[in-house]
Protein backbone atom coordinates (compact mmCIF):
# COMPACT_ATOMS: atom_id res chain seq x y z
CA MET A 1 38.91 21.40 -38.67
CA GLU A 2 38.82 23.22 -35.37
CA PRO A 3 38.12 21.08 -32.30
CA ALA A 4 35.51 23.58 -31.11
CA TYR A 5 33.82 23.68 -34.52
CA THR A 6 31.06 21.38 -33.28
CA LEU A 7 30.22 23.95 -30.62
CA TYR A 8 30.17 26.70 -33.25
CA ARG A 9 27.77 24.74 -35.42
CA PHE A 10 25.64 24.07 -32.37
CA SER A 11 25.41 27.75 -31.47
CA HIS A 12 24.64 28.65 -35.08
CA SER A 13 21.83 26.09 -35.18
CA VAL A 14 20.33 27.33 -31.93
CA THR A 15 20.44 30.86 -33.36
CA LEU A 16 18.41 29.66 -36.33
CA LEU A 17 16.00 27.97 -33.96
CA THR A 18 15.46 30.99 -31.74
CA THR A 19 15.03 33.38 -34.66
CA ASN A 20 12.63 31.15 -36.58
CA LYS A 21 9.15 32.75 -36.69
CA PRO A 22 5.97 30.88 -37.68
CA ALA A 23 4.68 31.96 -41.06
CA ALA A 24 1.50 34.01 -41.16
CA ASN A 25 -1.61 32.23 -42.41
CA SER A 26 -3.05 32.96 -45.83
CA SER A 27 -5.69 35.33 -44.47
CA GLY A 28 -3.02 37.50 -42.90
CA ALA A 29 -4.55 37.12 -39.43
CA LYS A 30 -2.24 37.63 -36.48
CA HIS A 31 -3.60 34.59 -34.65
CA SER A 32 -4.55 31.21 -35.97
CA THR A 33 -6.10 28.13 -34.46
CA ASN A 34 -4.34 25.97 -37.07
CA ARG A 35 -1.31 24.27 -35.63
CA GLN A 36 1.87 25.16 -37.48
CA LYS A 37 3.94 22.33 -38.80
CA PRO A 38 7.54 22.61 -37.68
CA SER A 39 9.77 24.01 -40.41
CA GLY A 40 12.71 22.08 -41.76
CA SER A 41 15.16 24.45 -40.07
CA SER A 42 13.46 23.91 -36.69
CA VAL A 43 13.67 20.13 -37.01
CA ARG A 44 17.33 20.37 -38.02
CA SER A 45 18.07 22.75 -35.17
CA TRP A 46 16.46 20.50 -32.56
CA ARG A 47 18.31 17.53 -33.99
CA PHE A 48 21.59 19.39 -33.81
CA LEU A 49 20.76 20.55 -30.28
CA ALA A 50 20.37 16.92 -29.24
CA ILE A 51 23.65 15.94 -30.91
CA ALA A 52 25.46 18.89 -29.33
CA SER A 53 24.17 17.94 -25.88
CA VAL A 54 25.55 14.44 -26.34
CA VAL A 55 28.90 15.91 -27.43
CA ILE A 56 28.99 18.23 -24.38
CA TRP A 57 28.20 15.29 -22.09
CA LEU A 58 30.91 13.12 -23.67
CA VAL A 59 33.61 15.79 -23.86
CA VAL A 60 32.89 17.98 -20.81
CA SER A 61 30.51 16.62 -18.16
CA ALA A 62 31.38 12.91 -18.14
CA PRO A 63 35.22 13.20 -17.99
CA LEU A 64 35.09 15.78 -15.20
CA LEU A 65 32.68 13.82 -13.03
CA ILE A 66 34.43 10.50 -13.67
CA LEU A 67 37.68 12.09 -12.49
CA LEU A 68 35.89 13.52 -9.45
CA SER A 69 34.42 10.11 -8.58
CA TRP A 70 37.91 8.59 -8.68
CA LEU A 71 39.45 11.32 -6.54
CA LEU A 72 36.67 11.04 -3.93
CA ASP A 73 36.52 7.22 -4.19
CA LYS A 74 32.76 7.35 -4.75
CA SER A 75 30.32 5.36 -6.86
CA LEU A 76 30.91 5.91 -10.56
CA SER A 77 27.28 5.29 -11.48
CA ALA A 78 26.05 8.11 -9.24
CA PHE A 79 28.49 10.55 -10.81
CA LEU A 80 27.55 9.45 -14.33
CA ILE A 81 23.90 10.13 -13.52
CA ALA A 82 24.94 13.53 -12.16
CA SER A 83 26.86 14.24 -15.38
CA VAL A 84 23.69 13.65 -17.41
CA LEU A 85 21.69 15.95 -15.12
CA VAL A 86 24.17 18.85 -15.30
CA THR A 87 24.73 18.62 -19.06
CA PRO A 88 21.72 20.80 -20.06
CA PHE A 89 23.03 23.57 -17.80
CA VAL A 90 26.59 23.23 -19.10
CA THR A 91 25.29 23.24 -22.67
CA ALA A 92 23.19 26.37 -22.06
CA TRP A 93 26.13 28.16 -20.42
CA MET A 94 28.48 27.27 -23.27
CA TRP A 95 25.93 28.37 -25.88
CA TYR A 96 25.42 31.71 -24.15
CA SER A 97 29.17 32.24 -23.72
CA VAL A 98 30.01 31.42 -27.34
CA GLN A 99 27.22 33.70 -28.60
CA SER A 100 28.42 36.57 -26.43
CA ALA A 101 30.72 39.23 -27.87
CA ASN A 102 32.18 39.54 -24.38
CA SER A 103 35.54 37.75 -24.37
CA VAL A 104 35.43 37.55 -20.55
CA LEU A 105 32.46 35.19 -20.90
CA LYS A 106 33.66 33.36 -24.01
CA TRP A 107 37.25 32.66 -22.93
CA PRO A 108 36.56 30.31 -19.95
CA ALA A 109 33.97 28.30 -21.91
CA MET A 110 36.40 27.72 -24.76
CA GLN A 111 39.31 26.84 -22.46
CA LEU A 112 37.11 24.38 -20.56
CA LEU A 113 36.09 22.71 -23.80
CA GLY A 114 39.71 22.28 -24.86
CA ALA A 115 40.92 21.12 -21.45
CA THR A 116 38.16 18.54 -21.02
CA THR A 117 38.80 17.24 -24.53
CA ILE A 118 42.31 16.43 -23.36
CA LEU A 119 40.89 15.01 -20.11
CA LEU A 120 38.65 12.62 -22.05
CA SER A 121 41.70 10.99 -23.64
CA VAL A 122 43.52 10.85 -20.30
CA VAL A 123 40.55 9.25 -18.52
CA VAL A 124 40.28 6.57 -21.20
CA ALA A 125 44.04 5.92 -21.06
CA CYS A 126 44.15 5.75 -17.25
CA ALA A 127 41.03 3.64 -16.71
CA PRO A 128 42.98 0.33 -16.92
CA LEU A 129 44.93 1.45 -13.82
CA LEU A 130 41.82 0.61 -11.79
CA TRP A 131 42.75 -3.07 -12.25
CA PHE A 132 46.05 -2.50 -10.39
CA THR A 133 45.40 0.29 -7.89
CA ASP A 134 42.61 2.05 -6.01
CA ARG A 135 40.36 4.76 -7.46
CA THR A 136 41.92 7.64 -5.53
CA THR A 137 45.42 6.82 -6.77
CA THR A 138 44.09 6.46 -10.31
CA GLY A 139 42.41 9.85 -9.95
CA ILE A 140 45.60 11.53 -8.72
CA ILE A 141 47.62 10.06 -11.60
CA THR A 142 44.93 11.15 -14.08
CA LEU A 143 44.85 14.65 -12.65
CA ALA A 144 48.65 14.99 -12.80
CA ILE A 145 48.86 13.79 -16.41
CA TRP A 146 45.98 16.07 -17.40
CA ALA A 147 47.65 19.11 -15.84
CA LEU A 148 50.96 18.38 -17.57
CA LEU A 149 49.29 17.86 -20.96
CA CYS A 150 47.34 21.11 -20.60
CA LEU A 151 50.52 23.02 -19.84
CA TYR A 152 52.19 21.43 -22.87
CA GLY A 153 49.07 22.23 -24.91
CA VAL A 154 49.34 25.92 -24.02
CA PHE A 155 52.99 25.91 -25.13
CA CYS A 156 52.09 24.28 -28.46
CA ALA A 157 49.33 26.88 -29.00
CA THR A 158 51.53 29.90 -28.27
CA ALA A 159 55.01 29.07 -29.60
CA ILE A 160 55.04 29.36 -33.41
CA LYS A 161 57.14 26.76 -35.19
CA THR A 162 58.86 27.59 -38.49
CA ILE A 163 58.34 25.07 -41.32
CA PRO A 164 60.91 25.45 -44.13
CA LEU A 165 59.77 24.55 -47.67
CA ASN A 166 61.96 24.69 -50.78
CA PHE A 167 60.82 24.46 -54.40
CA LYS A 168 62.58 24.90 -57.74
CA SER A 169 61.20 25.90 -61.11
CA LYS A 170 62.46 26.95 -64.51
CA ALA A 171 59.76 29.65 -64.50
CA VAL A 172 61.64 31.84 -61.98
CA SER A 173 64.87 33.74 -62.59
CA ARG A 174 65.84 34.34 -58.95
CA LYS A 175 65.09 33.08 -55.46
CA TYR A 176 61.92 34.27 -53.74
CA ARG A 177 60.97 33.89 -50.09
CA PHE A 178 57.40 33.92 -48.83
CA VAL A 179 55.87 33.33 -45.42
CA GLN A 180 52.53 31.53 -45.23
CA ILE A 181 50.36 32.22 -42.21
CA SER A 182 46.91 30.74 -41.76
CA ASP A 183 44.02 30.43 -39.30
CA ILE A 184 45.24 33.09 -36.87
CA HIS A 185 41.66 33.69 -35.64
CA ILE A 186 41.86 37.17 -34.14
CA GLY A 187 38.85 37.23 -31.88
CA SER A 188 39.80 33.91 -30.37
CA ARG A 189 43.38 35.25 -30.22
CA SER A 190 44.54 38.70 -29.17
CA THR A 191 46.07 41.68 -30.95
CA GLN A 192 49.24 40.99 -28.98
CA PHE A 193 49.41 37.54 -30.56
CA MET A 194 48.92 39.15 -33.99
CA GLN A 195 51.87 41.44 -33.27
CA ARG A 196 54.04 38.42 -32.40
CA VAL A 197 53.04 36.77 -35.68
CA VAL A 198 53.94 39.90 -37.67
CA ASP A 199 57.27 40.31 -35.88
CA GLN A 200 58.16 36.69 -36.60
CA CYS A 201 57.15 37.12 -40.25
CA ASN A 202 59.40 40.18 -40.58
CA SER A 203 62.31 38.32 -39.01
CA HIS A 204 62.42 36.02 -42.06
CA GLU A 205 62.76 39.03 -44.43
CA PRO A 206 60.27 37.64 -46.96
CA ASP A 207 59.38 39.05 -50.38
CA GLY A 208 55.72 38.61 -49.44
CA VAL A 209 53.32 37.20 -46.87
CA LEU A 210 50.57 34.81 -47.98
CA ILE A 211 47.53 34.51 -45.68
CA THR A 212 45.30 31.51 -46.36
CA GLY A 213 42.12 32.60 -44.60
CA ASP A 214 40.52 32.70 -41.14
CA LEU A 215 42.50 35.75 -40.12
CA LEU A 216 39.61 36.69 -37.84
CA ASP A 217 36.56 34.92 -36.46
CA SER A 218 34.37 37.57 -34.86
CA SER A 219 32.26 40.43 -36.21
CA SER A 220 33.50 42.54 -33.30
CA VAL A 221 37.11 42.51 -34.59
CA THR A 222 38.04 46.03 -35.73
CA ALA A 223 40.72 47.46 -38.00
CA GLU A 224 42.52 48.64 -34.86
CA GLU A 225 42.76 45.08 -33.54
CA LEU A 226 44.36 44.08 -36.85
CA ARG A 227 46.71 47.07 -36.79
CA PRO A 228 49.88 44.92 -36.46
CA LEU A 229 49.34 43.88 -40.10
CA ALA A 230 50.38 47.39 -41.09
CA ASP A 231 53.81 46.63 -39.62
CA LEU A 232 54.55 43.96 -42.23
CA GLN A 233 57.65 45.03 -44.14
CA CYS A 234 56.58 43.45 -47.43
CA PRO A 235 53.44 43.02 -49.56
CA ALA A 236 50.76 40.70 -48.18
CA TRP A 237 47.97 38.86 -49.97
CA MET A 238 45.07 36.91 -48.54
CA CYS A 239 42.22 34.63 -49.57
CA LEU A 240 38.97 34.44 -47.62
CA GLY A 241 38.35 31.57 -45.21
CA ASN A 242 35.13 30.14 -43.85
CA HIS A 243 35.21 32.31 -40.71
CA GLU A 244 35.35 35.51 -42.74
CA ARG A 245 32.15 34.27 -44.39
CA TYR A 246 30.52 33.60 -41.00
CA VAL A 247 30.93 37.19 -39.78
CA ASP A 248 30.10 40.56 -41.37
CA LEU A 249 32.09 39.90 -44.56
CA GLN A 250 32.28 43.46 -45.86
CA ALA A 251 33.34 44.79 -42.45
CA ALA A 252 35.97 42.04 -42.20
CA ILE A 253 37.34 42.86 -45.67
CA ALA A 254 37.52 46.57 -44.82
CA ALA A 255 39.32 45.88 -41.52
CA VAL A 256 41.94 43.76 -43.30
CA GLU A 257 42.44 46.02 -46.32
CA ASN A 258 42.71 49.14 -44.13
CA ASN A 259 45.88 47.58 -42.74
CA GLY A 260 47.53 47.07 -46.11
CA VAL A 261 46.66 43.45 -46.94
CA GLU A 262 45.32 42.82 -50.45
CA ILE A 263 42.49 40.29 -50.59
CA LEU A 264 42.38 38.18 -53.74
CA ARG A 265 38.76 37.27 -54.43
CA ASN A 266 38.68 34.88 -57.38
CA ARG A 267 41.42 36.80 -59.16
CA SER A 268 45.17 36.89 -59.67
CA ILE A 269 48.04 39.35 -59.42
CA THR A 270 51.47 39.20 -61.07
CA PHE A 271 54.50 39.55 -58.84
CA HIS A 272 57.74 39.54 -60.87
CA ASP A 273 58.15 35.97 -62.22
CA LEU A 274 55.21 34.69 -60.20
CA CYS A 275 51.44 34.81 -60.31
CA ILE A 276 49.46 34.66 -57.07
CA LEU A 277 45.81 33.61 -57.21
CA GLY A 278 43.19 33.67 -54.49
CA ILE A 279 39.82 31.92 -54.48
CA ASP A 280 37.05 32.53 -51.94
CA ASP A 281 36.33 29.67 -49.55
CA ALA A 282 33.17 27.66 -50.23
CA ASP A 283 31.59 24.47 -48.92
CA ASP A 284 31.41 23.22 -52.52
CA LYS A 285 34.28 20.77 -53.10
CA ARG A 286 34.25 21.81 -56.77
CA GLN A 287 34.97 25.47 -55.97
CA ILE A 288 38.49 25.47 -57.42
CA GLY A 289 37.40 23.63 -60.55
CA ARG A 290 34.54 26.10 -61.04
CA LYS A 291 36.53 29.29 -60.45
CA LEU A 292 39.95 28.64 -62.03
CA PRO A 293 38.71 28.63 -65.67
CA HIS A 294 37.41 32.17 -65.15
CA ILE A 295 40.65 33.61 -63.76
CA ASP A 296 43.28 34.88 -66.21
CA TRP A 297 46.98 34.52 -65.45
CA PRO A 298 50.18 34.28 -67.52
CA THR A 299 50.84 30.66 -68.36
CA ASP A 300 54.63 31.09 -68.23
CA ALA A 301 54.63 32.35 -64.62
CA TYR A 302 55.15 30.25 -61.52
CA THR A 303 51.64 30.00 -60.06
CA ILE A 304 50.75 30.06 -56.36
CA LEU A 305 47.11 29.41 -55.45
CA LEU A 306 45.72 30.52 -52.08
CA TYR A 307 42.63 28.53 -51.10
CA HIS A 308 41.58 28.12 -47.51
CA ARG A 309 40.55 24.47 -47.31
CA PRO A 310 42.58 21.56 -48.75
CA SER A 311 39.93 20.57 -51.27
CA GLY A 312 40.23 20.66 -55.04
CA TRP A 313 43.96 20.11 -55.43
CA ASP A 314 43.29 17.68 -58.27
CA ASP A 315 41.57 20.53 -60.14
CA ALA A 316 44.50 22.82 -59.36
CA VAL A 317 46.91 20.26 -60.79
CA ALA A 318 44.76 19.91 -63.90
CA HIS A 319 45.00 23.70 -64.41
CA SER A 320 48.81 23.63 -64.05
CA VAL A 321 48.99 25.37 -60.67
CA ASP A 322 52.54 24.96 -59.35
CA LEU A 323 51.90 25.45 -55.63
CA MET A 324 48.63 25.46 -53.70
CA LEU A 325 48.60 26.72 -50.10
CA SER A 326 45.78 25.87 -47.68
CA GLY A 327 44.90 25.66 -44.00
CA HIS A 328 41.51 25.17 -42.33
CA THR A 329 42.09 21.77 -40.70
CA HIS A 330 44.38 22.96 -37.85
CA GLY A 331 45.80 19.44 -38.14
CA GLY A 332 42.92 18.56 -35.80
CA GLN A 333 44.37 21.00 -33.21
CA ILE A 334 43.70 18.67 -30.26
CA TRP A 335 44.18 14.92 -30.55
CA PRO A 336 42.14 12.82 -31.35
CA PHE A 337 40.15 15.32 -33.47
CA GLY A 338 42.66 14.83 -36.26
CA LEU A 339 41.36 11.29 -36.75
CA LEU A 340 37.90 12.72 -37.48
CA VAL A 341 39.23 15.55 -39.67
CA LYS A 342 41.16 13.00 -41.72
CA LEU A 343 37.87 11.39 -42.69
CA GLN A 344 36.75 14.64 -44.32
CA PHE A 345 40.07 15.88 -45.71
CA ARG A 346 42.32 13.17 -47.09
CA ARG A 347 45.16 15.66 -47.40
CA MET A 348 44.83 17.01 -43.89
CA LEU A 349 48.29 18.29 -43.02
CA GLY A 350 51.72 18.78 -44.54
CA LEU A 351 53.25 18.65 -48.01
CA PHE A 352 51.82 16.67 -50.92
CA SER A 353 53.50 16.48 -54.33
CA GLN A 354 52.69 15.25 -57.80
CA ALA A 355 55.57 15.57 -60.26
CA ASN A 356 56.64 19.21 -59.74
CA GLN A 357 53.28 20.44 -58.44
CA HIS A 358 52.69 20.78 -54.73
CA LEU A 359 50.06 21.30 -52.04
CA TYR A 360 50.98 22.47 -48.57
CA VAL A 361 48.35 22.29 -45.80
CA SER A 362 49.24 24.39 -42.76
CA ALA A 363 48.39 23.33 -39.22
CA GLY A 364 47.54 26.99 -38.61
CA THR A 365 49.37 29.88 -37.02
CA GLY A 366 46.76 30.43 -34.31
CA THR A 367 43.92 28.49 -32.73
CA TRP A 368 40.14 28.71 -32.72
CA GLY A 369 38.34 28.38 -29.42
CA PRO A 370 40.68 27.02 -26.75
CA THR A 371 44.28 28.24 -26.67
CA LEU A 372 45.40 24.63 -26.60
CA ARG A 373 46.97 22.14 -28.98
CA LEU A 374 47.86 18.50 -28.52
CA GLY A 375 49.62 16.54 -31.25
CA THR A 376 50.00 19.69 -33.38
CA ARG A 377 51.90 22.99 -33.22
CA CYS A 378 51.16 26.53 -34.31
CA GLU A 379 53.27 27.20 -37.37
CA MET A 380 54.27 29.48 -40.18
CA ALA A 381 55.77 28.11 -43.39
CA VAL A 382 58.83 29.84 -44.85
CA ILE A 383 58.70 29.05 -48.56
CA GLU A 384 61.68 29.51 -50.86
CA ILE A 385 61.16 29.25 -54.62
CA GLY A 386 64.34 29.27 -56.69
CA PRO A 387 65.45 28.68 -60.29
CA ASP A 388 65.94 25.11 -61.42
CA ASP A 389 69.50 25.27 -62.78
């Protein structure tokens, strides 16, 4: 999952909290002397607010002020106390920035979150240097390593790596080439980045482009911002991801379809010797098992299933799906988030096979939140499916 996903959930919870109105009393009076019991959503929102504040302190405030204490050769305890005191203000600023449709406000908050996530790892790794050298030297070394890793992280988040995949099947009579792109996140990423993705897709001369969700992540994204999709020189199909569900879904669908991409919502299409299915993303881990029995497709065709998150592959195998394509996890995007994502998604990244059935989980073509990666790369998979002679 995205490294900034915790912040998204935090902002969503605070939205629930701030829009929660006390229920009117049974008499319909506007005012009541009876004290309202807090609703379940309010309790959950306050709980999540507390958790989010701890996360912001751990990932943002504490690493920055620890580094500052080293550089200035000052008392660490004083700076840790200061980090606790500033955290409510940092949290409020980040919440406001993430909620804002103004990218000028949102961009610095997201970049800071990503950069300080990297700094946290560097601070932990460099702390043992205090046994061998003074605090200022340790701070300078930490700062240098942090800067280099951030520069490398920008490169990994902007250069798109090609992943070649080759499969064979008796169900196909000729070779087909597809490009899988996933988790581009227009909104977090620009229209210019979308154009680069499309140009790179076209350079592979595919028979089709397969988009496994999270093409956009903001209700403010318009059809014009997705206009590069119209430059694809082949058919394109897409399944819905979780971020399409989080925004104005119908507006998102219209913006995508107006640029020539066909969205497969719990249905299939036949493409020569192949059948391409798409299932809407859902939090329910049984989504694939629940939806596949209600989708018709030719049993003799090579079957490609587009489903955003890497859940339910066992159900796909049971229904004789040849190839399932997913994304969602970003490979963790910024280390060490991948260690946490692995706890939720056993098949977090890469190719998994069982006999001649396969699952490929993309690390994502874009990024959500910070334009940074560490330990992962932006990618597109070039998939060739040929006859098994």
